[in-house]
């Protein structure tokens, strides 16, 4: 079996897609108004990816070290099944969700971009990163995607999972 066939088989078994936020759902940039209010830009294609996954019976989770209320608002808008802010021990949160959903870590996928994602990258069944992720992540993930963070990379990963599962 080739690596692509093995990867395809693993994608077919995914029941949960977990994402980081800054550098994945956003481009990592922070925008500040003159009044000191912070803003982040999210891509609507990623939001549609969440909906398509939900329609296919695949759960979604957001796990981030950030504590911004903006993320809570975005998670509610896209109807993410799970949302955890201010979490540094992401791999244990993945395991908690697995227990709640009665699934194996091998049935999870994760997309992240920076060194604070190393633990969960090594715990998830399949891992991916944006093309502009840091090298420490690029060196350990299963897939380096073609899009940058904030430019539809979550949707790219979601589409790969959905395509694999459509061809079960």
C-alpha atoms as a PDB file:
ATOM      1  CA  UNK A   1       0.000   0.000   0.000  1.00  0.00           C
ATOM      2  CA  UNK A   2       1.397   3.431  -0.916  1.00  0.00           C
ATOM      3  CA  UNK A   3       1.558   6.369   1.467  1.00  0.00           C
ATOM      4  CA  UNK A   4      -1.288   8.044  -0.460  1.00  0.00           C
ATOM      5  CA  UNK A   5      -3.471   4.933  -0.073  1.00  0.00           C
ATOM      6  CA  UNK A   6      -2.692   4.789   3.650  1.00  0.00           C
ATOM      7  CA  UNK A   7      -3.531   8.481   4.012  1.00  0.00           C
ATOM      8  CA  UNK A   8      -6.780   8.025   2.084  1.00  0.00           C
ATOM      9  CA  UNK A   9      -7.773   5.136   4.365  1.00  0.00           C
ATOM     10  CA  UNK A  10      -7.066   7.266   7.434  1.00  0.00           C
ATOM     11  CA  UNK A  11      -9.084  10.198   6.039  1.00  0.00           C
ATOM     12  CA  UNK A  12     -12.059   7.880   5.485  1.00  0.00           C
ATOM     13  CA  UNK A  13     -12.200   7.122   9.216  1.00  0.00           C
ATOM     14  CA  UNK A  14     -12.243  10.715  10.517  1.00  0.00           C
ATOM     15  CA  UNK A  15     -15.171  11.543  12.835  1.00  0.00           C
ATOM     16  CA  UNK A  16     -13.834  14.819  14.300  1.00  0.00           C
ATOM     17  CA  UNK A  17     -11.827  17.694  12.807  1.00  0.00           C
ATOM     18  CA  UNK A  18     -10.094  19.947  15.331  1.00  0.00           C
ATOM     19  CA  UNK A  19      -8.530  23.278  14.464  1.00  0.00           C
ATOM     20  CA  UNK A  20      -6.334  25.900  16.011  1.00  0.00           C
ATOM     21  CA  UNK A  21      -7.350  29.514  15.349  1.00  0.00           C
ATOM     22  CA  UNK A  22      -4.533  32.037  14.855  1.00  0.00           C
ATOM     23  CA  UNK A  23      -2.515  31.070  11.798  1.00  0.00           C
ATOM     24  CA  UNK A  24      -5.155  28.574  10.621  1.00  0.00           C
ATOM     25  CA  UNK A  25      -8.615  30.151  10.713  1.00  0.00           C
ATOM     26  CA  UNK A  26      -6.942  33.577  10.612  1.00  0.00           C
ATOM     27  CA  UNK A  27      -3.795  34.784   8.885  1.00  0.00           C
ATOM     28  CA  UNK A  28      -2.235  35.350  12.297  1.00  0.00           C
ATOM     29  CA  UNK A  29      -2.493  39.113  11.985  1.00  0.00           C
ATOM     30  CA  UNK A  30      -4.122  41.269  14.623  1.00  0.00           C
ATOM     31  CA  UNK A  31      -5.897  44.485  13.735  1.00  0.00           C
ATOM     32  CA  UNK A  32      -6.296  47.254  16.308  1.00  0.00           C
ATOM     33  CA  UNK A  33      -8.590  50.267  16.152  1.00  0.00           C
ATOM     34  CA  UNK A  34      -7.559  53.662  17.499  1.00  0.00           C
ATOM     35  CA  UNK A  35      -9.651  52.827  20.559  1.00  0.00           C
ATOM     36  CA  UNK A  36      -7.529  49.724  21.195  1.00  0.00           C
ATOM     37  CA  UNK A  37     -10.149  47.210  20.064  1.00  0.00           C
ATOM     38  CA  UNK A  38      -8.712  44.075  18.487  1.00  0.00           C
ATOM     39  CA  UNK A  39     -10.118  42.528  15.317  1.00  0.00           C
ATOM     40  CA  UNK A  40      -9.389  39.294  13.450  1.00  0.00           C
ATOM     41  CA  UNK A  41     -10.337  38.298   9.927  1.00  0.00           C
ATOM     42  CA  UNK A  42     -11.918  34.892   9.278  1.00  0.00           C
ATOM     43  CA  UNK A  43     -12.525  33.284   5.876  1.00  0.00           C
ATOM     44  CA  UNK A  44     -16.143  32.453   4.960  1.00  0.00           C
ATOM     45  CA  UNK A  45     -14.968  29.408   2.996  1.00  0.00           C
ATOM     46  CA  UNK A  46     -13.739  27.894   6.253  1.00  0.00           C
ATOM     47  CA  UNK A  47     -17.163  28.530   7.766  1.00  0.00           C
ATOM     48  CA  UNK A  48     -18.797  26.662   4.897  1.00  0.00           C
ATOM     49  CA  UNK A  49     -16.334  23.830   5.475  1.00  0.00           C
ATOM     50  CA  UNK A  50     -17.676  23.491   9.017  1.00  0.00           C
ATOM     51  CA  UNK A  51     -21.219  23.277   7.674  1.00  0.00           C
ATOM     52  CA  UNK A  52     -20.297  20.660   5.058  1.00  0.00           C
ATOM     53  CA  UNK A  53     -18.576  18.554   7.713  1.00  0.00           C
ATOM     54  CA  UNK A  54     -21.605  18.820   9.994  1.00  0.00           C
ATOM     55  CA  UNK A  55     -23.902  17.771   7.133  1.00  0.00           C
ATOM     56  CA  UNK A  56     -21.675  14.712   6.627  1.00  0.00           C
ATOM     57  CA  UNK A  57     -21.862  13.794  10.328  1.00  0.00           C
ATOM     58  CA  UNK A  58     -18.316  14.905  11.150  1.00  0.00           C
ATOM     59  CA  UNK A  59     -17.932  16.921  14.359  1.00  0.00           C
ATOM     60  CA  UNK A  60     -15.757  20.029  14.614  1.00  0.00           C
ATOM     61  CA  UNK A  61     -13.785  21.501  17.487  1.00  0.00           C
ATOM     62  CA  UNK A  62     -11.819  24.673  18.056  1.00  0.00           C
ATOM     63  CA  UNK A  63      -8.999  24.422  20.591  1.00  0.00           C
ATOM     64  CA  UNK A  64      -6.852  27.524  21.025  1.00  0.00           C
ATOM     65  CA  UNK A  65      -4.522  29.108  23.537  1.00  0.00           C
ATOM     66  CA  UNK A  66      -6.151  32.464  22.740  1.00  0.00           C
ATOM     67  CA  UNK A  67      -8.872  33.759  25.051  1.00  0.00           C
ATOM     68  CA  UNK A  68     -10.424  36.336  22.718  1.00  0.00           C
ATOM     69  CA  UNK A  69     -14.190  36.704  22.773  1.00  0.00           C
ATOM     70  CA  UNK A  70     -13.975  37.078  18.977  1.00  0.00           C
ATOM     71  CA  UNK A  71     -13.222  33.361  18.739  1.00  0.00           C
ATOM     72  CA  UNK A  72     -16.260  32.467  20.822  1.00  0.00           C
ATOM     73  CA  UNK A  73     -18.419  34.573  18.506  1.00  0.00           C
ATOM     74  CA  UNK A  74     -16.942  32.888  15.408  1.00  0.00           C
ATOM     75  CA  UNK A  75     -17.321  29.390  16.890  1.00  0.00           C
ATOM     76  CA  UNK A  76     -20.974  30.043  17.662  1.00  0.00           C
ATOM     77  CA  UNK A  77     -21.575  31.496  14.205  1.00  0.00           C
ATOM     78  CA  UNK A  78     -20.157  28.421  12.420  1.00  0.00           C
ATOM     79  CA  UNK A  79     -21.804  26.113  14.974  1.00  0.00           C
ATOM     80  CA  UNK A  80     -18.617  24.319  16.008  1.00  0.00           C
ATOM     81  CA  UNK A  81     -19.495  21.319  18.167  1.00  0.00           C
ATOM     82  CA  UNK A  82     -16.744  22.062  20.689  1.00  0.00           C
ATOM     83  CA  UNK A  83     -14.889  25.250  21.554  1.00  0.00           C
ATOM     84  CA  UNK A  84     -12.106  25.635  24.090  1.00  0.00           C
ATOM     85  CA  UNK A  85     -10.311  28.931  24.684  1.00  0.00           C
ATOM     86  CA  UNK A  86      -7.113  29.434  26.686  1.00  0.00           C
ATOM     87  CA  UNK A  87      -6.035  25.785  26.412  1.00  0.00           C
ATOM     88  CA  UNK A  88      -2.319  25.002  26.307  1.00  0.00           C
ATOM     89  CA  UNK A  89      -2.664  21.236  26.832  1.00  0.00           C
ATOM     90  CA  UNK A  90      -4.509  20.652  23.564  1.00  0.00           C
ATOM     91  CA  UNK A  91      -3.758  16.936  23.346  1.00  0.00           C
ATOM     92  CA  UNK A  92      -5.569  16.201  26.616  1.00  0.00           C
ATOM     93  CA  UNK A  93      -8.562  18.231  25.430  1.00  0.00           C
ATOM     94  CA  UNK A  94      -8.599  16.060  22.279  1.00  0.00           C
ATOM     95  CA  UNK A  95      -8.645  12.952  24.479  1.00  0.00           C
ATOM     96  CA  UNK A  96     -11.532  14.377  26.553  1.00  0.00           C
ATOM     97  CA  UNK A  97     -13.562  14.988  23.392  1.00  0.00           C
ATOM     98  CA  UNK A  98     -12.778  11.460  22.180  1.00  0.00           C
ATOM     99  CA  UNK A  99     -14.077  10.060  25.451  1.00  0.00           C
ATOM    100  CA  UNK A 100     -17.232  12.169  25.201  1.00  0.00           C
ATOM    101  CA  UNK A 101     -17.842  11.149  21.572  1.00  0.00           C
ATOM    102  CA  UNK A 102     -16.787   7.531  22.182  1.00  0.00           C
ATOM    103  CA  UNK A 103     -14.240   7.647  19.377  1.00  0.00           C
ATOM    104  CA  UNK A 104     -10.543   6.833  19.131  1.00  0.00           C
ATOM    105  CA  UNK A 105      -7.841   9.490  18.661  1.00  0.00           C
ATOM    106  CA  UNK A 106      -7.175   7.697  15.348  1.00  0.00           C
ATOM    107  CA  UNK A 107     -10.589   8.959  14.206  1.00  0.00           C
ATOM    108  CA  UNK A 108      -9.560  12.588  14.724  1.00  0.00           C
ATOM    109  CA  UNK A 109      -7.849  15.091  12.465  1.00  0.00           C
ATOM    110  CA  UNK A 110      -6.081  18.259  13.567  1.00  0.00           C
ATOM    111  CA  UNK A 111      -4.830  21.327  11.739  1.00  0.00           C
ATOM    112  CA  UNK A 112      -2.372  23.675  13.399  1.00  0.00           C
ATOM    113  CA  UNK A 113       0.529  25.932  12.563  1.00  0.00           C
ATOM    114  CA  UNK A 114       2.891  26.591  15.477  1.00  0.00           C
ATOM    115  CA  UNK A 115       4.956  24.919  18.189  1.00  0.00           C
ATOM    116  CA  UNK A 116       2.138  25.042  20.752  1.00  0.00           C
ATOM    117  CA  UNK A 117       0.386  22.478  18.509  1.00  0.00           C
ATOM    118  CA  UNK A 118       3.136  19.822  18.596  1.00  0.00           C
ATOM    119  CA  UNK A 119       1.490  17.697  21.314  1.00  0.00           C
ATOM    120  CA  UNK A 120      -1.896  17.513  19.614  1.00  0.00           C
ATOM    121  CA  UNK A 121      -0.289  16.957  16.194  1.00  0.00           C
ATOM    122  CA  UNK A 122       1.333  13.852  17.676  1.00  0.00           C
ATOM    123  CA  UNK A 123      -1.946  12.702  19.286  1.00  0.00           C
ATOM    124  CA  UNK A 124      -4.451  13.151  16.447  1.00  0.00           C
ATOM    125  CA  UNK A 125      -5.006  10.350  13.959  1.00  0.00           C
ATOM    126  CA  UNK A 126      -4.061  12.599  11.064  1.00  0.00           C
ATOM    127  CA  UNK A 127      -2.533  16.064  11.107  1.00  0.00           C
ATOM    128  CA  UNK A 128      -2.154  18.916   8.663  1.00  0.00           C
ATOM    129  CA  UNK A 129      -0.850  22.455   8.542  1.00  0.00           C
ATOM    130  CA  UNK A 130      -1.063  25.530   6.332  1.00  0.00           C
ATOM    131  CA  UNK A 131       1.770  26.049   3.882  1.00  0.00           C
ATOM    132  CA  UNK A 132       2.998  28.966   6.003  1.00  0.00           C
ATOM    133  CA  UNK A 133       3.227  26.990   9.262  1.00  0.00           C
ATOM    134  CA  UNK A 134       6.498  26.996  11.194  1.00  0.00           C
ATOM    135  CA  UNK A 135       9.053  24.380  10.184  1.00  0.00           C
ATOM    136  CA  UNK A 136       8.759  22.497  13.493  1.00  0.00           C
ATOM    137  CA  UNK A 137       5.148  21.703  12.551  1.00  0.00           C
ATOM    138  CA  UNK A 138       5.796  21.110   8.841  1.00  0.00           C
ATOM    139  CA  UNK A 139       8.372  18.488   9.804  1.00  0.00           C
ATOM    140  CA  UNK A 140       5.900  16.346  11.777  1.00  0.00           C
ATOM    141  CA  UNK A 141       2.449  16.648  10.143  1.00  0.00           C
ATOM    142  CA  UNK A 142       0.975  14.133   7.712  1.00  0.00           C
ATOM    143  CA  UNK A 143      -0.081  16.834   5.232  1.00  0.00           C
ATOM    144  CA  UNK A 144       1.233  20.271   4.348  1.00  0.00           C
ATOM    145  CA  UNK A 145      -1.717  21.929   2.647  1.00  0.00           C
ATOM    146  CA  UNK A 146      -1.425  24.378  -0.261  1.00  0.00           C
ATOM    147  CA  UNK A 147      -3.179  27.368   1.316  1.00  0.00           C
ATOM    148  CA  UNK A 148      -1.951  29.835   3.913  1.00  0.00           C
ATOM    149  CA  UNK A 149      -3.621  30.288   7.271  1.00  0.00           C
ATOM    150  CA  UNK A 150      -6.674  32.526   7.018  1.00  0.00           C
ATOM    151  CA  UNK A 151      -7.079  31.860   3.303  1.00  0.00           C
ATOM    152  CA  UNK A 152      -9.277  28.773   3.299  1.00  0.00           C
ATOM    153  CA  UNK A 153      -6.817  26.167   4.587  1.00  0.00           C
ATOM    154  CA  UNK A 154      -9.407  24.689   6.991  1.00  0.00           C
ATOM    155  CA  UNK A 155     -11.787  24.266   4.041  1.00  0.00           C
ATOM    156  CA  UNK A 156      -9.016  22.620   2.005  1.00  0.00           C
ATOM    157  CA  UNK A 157      -8.511  20.030   4.760  1.00  0.00           C
ATOM    158  CA  UNK A 158     -12.265  19.573   5.251  1.00  0.00           C
ATOM    159  CA  UNK A 159     -12.710  18.990   1.510  1.00  0.00           C
ATOM    160  CA  UNK A 160      -9.994  16.304   1.515  1.00  0.00           C
ATOM    161  CA  UNK A 161     -11.759  14.484   4.351  1.00  0.00           C
ATOM    162  CA  UNK A 162     -15.173  14.822   2.699  1.00  0.00           C
ATOM    163  CA  UNK A 163     -13.866  13.620  -0.671  1.00  0.00           C
ATOM    164  CA  UNK A 164     -12.214  10.588   0.928  1.00  0.00           C
ATOM    165  CA  UNK A 165     -15.397   9.708   2.808  1.00  0.00           C
ATOM    166  CA  UNK A 166     -17.581  10.160  -0.260  1.00  0.00           C
ATOM    167  CA  UNK A 167     -15.501   7.474  -1.970  1.00  0.00           C
ATOM    168  CA  UNK A 168     -15.664   4.918   0.884  1.00  0.00           C
END
